[in-house]
Amino acid sequence: MDAVRERGERVVATARRPQALAELGGEDVLVQELDVTREEQIPAALDAAAERFGGVDVLVNCAGIGFVGALEESTPADLRNAMETMFFGPAALTRAVLPQMRQRGSGAIVQISSQRGQITAPGYSAYCAAKFALEGLSEAVAAELAPLGIRVLIVEPGSFRTELLGSSLRAAPPIDAYAETVGATRAYVEGENGRQAGDPAKAAAAILAALDADDPPLRLALGADAVEAIRAKHEALSTELARWEDVGRATGFDD
């Protein structure tokens, strides 16, 4: 927020409980109530942005929740909550701002994903499902919007010192059978809050640099942990693809 305001930009900051953002007040900031899982609230938020600032030039979809639990430990409601917050909500907001961006022929959509949008770990099945879905949607949408002058940036943070592992973290009741797998993830998140290596202020500056770039990336991994983990995942995929390539190629009809 500070990095954006220092550039002289105007901000519409939304939250389910707008009183939590009361300290952000100022002529350059509009605090607006918005629960991204309630699509009916979106038009009012966009109308307020248009009335105050003339519209939305850059949409940042950053709503998120932390959830830990094996699939068997999770309820259908847990899975739906993750998807509604981190996939359907961003999709609805993106869809809602596109008409005005298309009319102007410019704009940017910033999707705050995660390194978990490319790599998984035991206990993150619901979280990763939402982030993987968001990345697939965003990559396709980027191709749809490129000829229209609208850019998409998928941001993939590693471990940053936010409230994701704090007040917003939820955990499913454990099943003993998953102690060796999901148990390690539970232990990690319980001990990591407040100790994350990533600096949110530096992340904001990196996102702005990517948006300003003449040749911006589609994906921006943030944090050494994210860069290293995503690179290792790509190398593992390449190795496996090569190992099974002959089997895959042999599945066509014999002419």
Protein backbone atom coordinates (compact mmCIF):
# COMPACT_ATOMS: atom_id res chain seq x y z
CA MET A 1 0.00 0.00 0.00
CA ASP A 2 2.74 2.48 0.95
CA ALA A 3 4.69 1.73 -2.24
CA VAL A 4 1.64 2.53 -4.35
CA ARG A 5 0.73 5.71 -2.48
CA GLU A 6 4.31 6.98 -2.68
CA ARG A 7 3.99 6.91 -6.48
CA GLY A 8 0.99 9.21 -6.28
CA GLU A 9 -1.44 6.45 -7.21
CA ARG A 10 -4.97 6.33 -5.83
CA VAL A 11 -6.16 3.17 -4.12
CA VAL A 12 -9.47 1.45 -3.52
CA ALA A 13 -8.82 -0.87 -0.57
CA THR A 14 -11.46 -3.49 0.08
CA ALA A 15 -12.12 -5.87 2.94
CA ARG A 16 -14.95 -7.90 4.39
CA ARG A 17 -14.64 -5.72 7.49
CA PRO A 18 -13.72 -2.24 6.22
CA GLN A 19 -13.15 -1.00 9.76
CA ALA A 20 -9.97 -3.07 9.74
CA LEU A 21 -8.60 -0.65 7.11
CA ALA A 22 -9.71 2.55 8.82
CA GLU A 23 -6.12 3.71 9.41
CA LEU A 24 -5.57 3.88 5.64
CA GLY A 25 -7.88 6.83 5.19
CA GLY A 26 -6.95 9.82 3.03
CA GLU A 27 -7.95 11.62 -0.11
CA ASP A 28 -5.99 9.09 -2.18
CA VAL A 29 -7.56 6.01 -0.55
CA LEU A 30 -11.13 4.77 -0.66
CA VAL A 31 -11.93 2.01 1.81
CA GLN A 32 -14.80 -0.13 0.58
CA GLU A 33 -16.58 -3.18 1.94
CA LEU A 34 -16.20 -6.23 -0.30
CA ASP A 35 -16.36 -9.94 0.42
CA VAL A 36 -15.03 -11.56 -2.76
CA THR A 37 -17.13 -14.66 -2.11
CA ARG A 38 -20.28 -12.52 -2.45
CA GLU A 39 -20.46 -11.58 -6.12
CA GLU A 40 -23.47 -9.33 -5.51
CA GLN A 41 -21.20 -6.87 -3.63
CA ILE A 42 -18.89 -6.31 -6.61
CA PRO A 43 -20.99 -3.77 -8.58
CA ALA A 44 -21.28 -1.43 -5.60
CA ALA A 45 -17.52 -1.53 -5.04
CA LEU A 46 -16.79 -0.75 -8.68
CA ASP A 47 -19.39 2.01 -8.75
CA ALA A 48 -17.75 3.60 -5.70
CA ALA A 49 -14.33 3.37 -7.38
CA ALA A 50 -15.71 4.99 -10.54
CA GLU A 51 -17.40 7.80 -8.62
CA ARG A 52 -14.32 8.59 -6.53
CA PHE A 53 -11.46 7.97 -8.97
CA GLY A 54 -13.02 7.41 -12.37
CA GLY A 55 -12.54 3.65 -12.52
CA VAL A 56 -9.99 0.88 -12.04
CA ASP A 57 -6.72 0.88 -13.98
CA VAL A 58 -5.09 -1.99 -12.07
CA LEU A 59 -6.98 -4.76 -10.31
CA VAL A 60 -5.07 -6.65 -7.63
CA ASN A 61 -6.77 -9.87 -6.56
CA CYS A 62 -5.13 -10.65 -3.23
CA ALA A 63 -7.87 -12.17 -1.07
CA GLY A 64 -6.60 -15.37 0.48
CA ILE A 65 -6.99 -17.81 3.34
CA GLY A 66 -4.60 -20.29 4.85
CA PHE A 67 -5.81 -23.86 5.27
CA VAL A 68 -3.94 -27.02 6.25
CA GLY A 69 -5.38 -30.51 6.07
CA ALA A 70 -5.22 -33.70 4.07
CA LEU A 71 -8.05 -34.16 1.60
CA GLU A 72 -9.59 -36.85 3.81
CA GLU A 73 -9.37 -34.51 6.80
CA SER A 74 -11.11 -31.71 4.91
CA THR A 75 -14.82 -31.17 4.49
CA PRO A 76 -16.55 -30.22 1.25
CA ALA A 77 -17.12 -26.80 2.84
CA ASP A 78 -13.36 -26.40 3.36
CA LEU A 79 -12.72 -27.09 -0.31
CA ARG A 80 -15.49 -24.78 -1.49
CA ASN A 81 -14.31 -21.99 0.81
CA ALA A 82 -10.80 -22.16 -0.65
CA MET A 83 -12.11 -22.15 -4.20
CA GLU A 84 -14.67 -19.39 -3.61
CA THR A 85 -12.07 -17.12 -1.98
CA MET A 86 -9.05 -17.75 -4.18
CA PHE A 87 -10.55 -18.76 -7.53
CA PHE A 88 -14.19 -17.81 -8.08
CA GLY A 89 -13.80 -14.46 -6.29
CA PRO A 90 -10.82 -13.31 -8.40
CA ALA A 91 -12.53 -14.63 -11.54
CA ALA A 92 -15.67 -12.62 -10.78
CA LEU A 93 -13.74 -9.42 -10.07
CA THR A 94 -11.64 -9.83 -13.19
CA ARG A 95 -14.72 -10.35 -15.31
CA ALA A 96 -16.37 -7.29 -13.75
CA VAL A 97 -13.53 -4.84 -14.51
CA LEU A 98 -12.87 -5.99 -18.06
CA PRO A 99 -15.60 -3.99 -19.85
CA GLN A 100 -14.16 -0.67 -18.67
CA MET A 101 -10.60 -1.78 -19.41
CA ARG A 102 -11.58 -2.93 -22.90
CA GLN A 103 -13.25 0.40 -23.55
CA ARG A 104 -10.06 2.25 -22.58
CA GLY A 105 -7.78 -0.23 -24.32
CA SER A 106 -5.55 -0.51 -21.27
CA GLY A 107 -5.34 -2.00 -17.81
CA ALA A 108 -3.65 -4.67 -15.74
CA ILE A 109 -4.88 -7.62 -13.72
CA VAL A 110 -2.56 -8.74 -10.90
CA GLN A 111 -3.38 -12.18 -9.58
CA ILE A 112 -1.72 -12.92 -6.25
CA SER A 113 -1.16 -16.64 -6.52
CA SER A 114 1.59 -18.45 -4.61
CA GLN A 115 4.49 -20.77 -5.20
CA ARG A 116 1.74 -23.26 -4.32
CA GLY A 117 0.20 -22.42 -7.68
CA GLN A 118 2.95 -24.55 -9.20
CA ILE A 119 4.21 -26.82 -6.41
CA THR A 120 2.33 -28.85 -3.83
CA ALA A 121 2.94 -30.29 -0.38
CA PRO A 122 1.00 -32.70 1.82
CA GLY A 123 -1.74 -30.82 3.63
CA TYR A 124 -2.10 -28.07 1.05
CA SER A 125 -4.49 -29.91 -1.28
CA ALA A 126 -7.35 -27.40 -0.94
CA TYR A 127 -5.06 -24.38 -1.07
CA CYS A 128 -3.09 -25.68 -4.05
CA ALA A 129 -6.25 -26.63 -5.91
CA ALA A 130 -7.45 -23.02 -5.74
CA LYS A 131 -4.08 -21.55 -6.70
CA PHE A 132 -3.50 -24.01 -9.56
CA ALA A 133 -6.97 -23.15 -10.87
CA LEU A 134 -6.26 -19.43 -10.60
CA GLU A 135 -3.03 -19.79 -12.55
CA GLY A 136 -4.66 -21.82 -15.32
CA LEU A 137 -7.44 -19.28 -15.63
CA SER A 138 -5.03 -16.36 -15.60
CA GLU A 139 -2.69 -17.80 -18.23
CA ALA A 140 -5.59 -18.34 -20.62
CA VAL A 141 -7.06 -14.91 -19.85
CA ALA A 142 -3.68 -13.29 -20.50
CA ALA A 143 -3.77 -14.66 -24.05
CA GLU A 144 -7.37 -13.49 -24.48
CA LEU A 145 -6.56 -9.95 -23.35
CA ALA A 146 -3.15 -9.33 -24.92
CA PRO A 147 -4.57 -7.98 -28.21
CA LEU A 148 -6.82 -5.64 -26.22
CA GLY A 149 -4.01 -3.81 -24.42
CA ILE A 150 -4.73 -5.44 -21.05
CA ARG A 151 -1.97 -7.26 -19.20
CA VAL A 152 -2.10 -10.08 -16.66
CA LEU A 153 0.58 -10.65 -14.02
CA ILE A 154 0.57 -13.84 -11.93
CA VAL A 155 2.51 -13.27 -8.71
CA GLU A 156 3.90 -16.34 -6.95
CA PRO A 157 5.18 -15.44 -3.48
CA GLY A 158 7.05 -17.87 -1.30
CA SER A 159 7.05 -17.43 2.47
CA PHE A 160 6.31 -13.78 3.26
CA ARG A 161 5.60 -12.21 6.63
CA THR A 162 1.84 -11.73 6.24
CA GLU A 163 -1.14 -12.99 8.21
CA LEU A 164 -1.62 -16.02 5.96
CA LEU A 165 -0.13 -18.27 8.66
CA GLY A 166 -1.56 -16.12 11.44
CA SER A 167 -5.12 -15.08 12.10
CA SER A 168 -6.41 -16.29 8.73
CA LEU A 169 -4.98 -19.82 9.08
CA ARG A 170 -7.36 -22.72 9.58
CA ALA A 171 -6.50 -26.37 10.08
CA ALA A 172 -8.63 -29.48 9.70
CA PRO A 173 -8.88 -31.93 12.62
CA PRO A 174 -5.97 -34.36 12.18
CA ILE A 175 -6.21 -38.06 11.36
CA ASP A 176 -3.34 -40.11 12.81
CA ALA A 177 -2.67 -41.88 9.50
CA TYR A 178 -1.38 -38.60 8.03
CA ALA A 179 0.98 -37.73 10.88
CA GLU A 180 4.12 -38.45 8.85
CA THR A 181 3.03 -36.42 5.82
CA VAL A 182 0.60 -33.68 6.72
CA GLY A 183 2.00 -33.59 10.24
CA ALA A 184 5.24 -32.08 8.95
CA THR A 185 3.29 -29.34 7.17
CA ARG A 186 1.25 -28.62 10.30
CA ALA A 187 4.44 -28.29 12.35
CA TYR A 188 5.95 -25.96 9.76
CA VAL A 189 3.02 -23.54 9.62
CA GLU A 190 2.65 -23.51 13.41
CA GLY A 191 6.26 -22.42 13.84
CA GLU A 192 6.71 -20.19 10.79
CA ASN A 193 4.33 -17.30 11.49
CA GLY A 194 6.31 -14.13 12.16
CA ARG A 195 9.55 -15.75 11.02
CA GLN A 196 9.00 -15.76 7.25
CA ALA A 197 11.99 -14.50 5.27
CA GLY A 198 9.97 -12.51 2.73
CA ASP A 199 9.49 -8.75 3.18
CA PRO A 200 6.03 -7.64 1.95
CA ALA A 201 7.29 -4.13 1.20
CA LYS A 202 9.96 -5.52 -1.14
CA ALA A 203 7.34 -7.76 -2.74
CA ALA A 204 5.19 -4.72 -3.49
CA ALA A 205 8.16 -2.94 -5.07
CA ALA A 206 8.91 -6.00 -7.22
CA ILE A 207 5.32 -6.15 -8.45
CA LEU A 208 5.40 -2.47 -9.40
CA ALA A 209 8.69 -3.01 -11.25
CA ALA A 210 7.14 -5.86 -13.22
CA LEU A 211 4.10 -3.76 -14.11
CA ASP A 212 6.35 -0.92 -15.26
CA ALA A 213 8.57 -3.16 -17.39
CA ASP A 214 8.58 -2.79 -21.18
CA ASP A 215 8.61 -6.58 -21.46
CA PRO A 216 6.71 -7.72 -18.35
CA PRO A 217 6.60 -11.35 -17.25
CA LEU A 218 3.46 -13.45 -17.12
CA ARG A 219 4.62 -15.03 -13.87
CA LEU A 220 6.69 -13.39 -11.14
CA ALA A 221 8.11 -15.68 -8.47
CA LEU A 222 8.94 -13.76 -5.29
CA GLY A 223 11.41 -14.95 -2.69
CA ALA A 224 14.44 -17.20 -3.05
CA ASP A 225 12.40 -20.11 -1.72
CA ALA A 226 9.79 -19.70 -4.47
CA VAL A 227 12.38 -19.31 -7.21
CA GLU A 228 14.28 -22.41 -6.12
CA ALA A 229 11.20 -24.57 -5.54
CA ILE A 230 9.55 -23.66 -8.84
CA ARG A 231 12.80 -24.25 -10.75
CA ALA A 232 13.18 -27.67 -9.11
CA LYS A 233 9.59 -28.53 -10.03
CA HIS A 234 10.17 -27.61 -13.68
CA GLU A 235 13.36 -29.68 -13.78
CA ALA A 236 11.56 -32.67 -12.25
CA LEU A 237 8.73 -32.35 -14.79
CA SER A 238 11.22 -32.18 -17.65
CA THR A 239 13.06 -35.25 -16.39
CA GLU A 240 9.86 -37.26 -16.00
CA LEU A 241 8.56 -36.16 -19.41
CA ALA A 242 11.79 -37.33 -21.06
CA ARG A 243 11.75 -40.64 -19.17
CA TRP A 244 8.23 -41.50 -20.34
CA GLU A 245 8.34 -39.75 -23.70
CA ASP A 246 8.56 -42.96 -25.77
CA VAL A 247 5.52 -44.41 -24.00
CA GLY A 248 3.55 -41.23 -24.58
CA ARG A 249 4.49 -40.96 -28.25
CA ALA A 250 3.55 -44.59 -28.92
CA THR A 251 -0.16 -44.10 -28.23
CA GLY A 252 -1.21 -42.92 -31.71
CA PHE A 253 -2.93 -44.99 -34.37
CA ASP A 254 -0.64 -47.10 -36.53
CA ASP A 255 -0.96 -45.79 -40.11
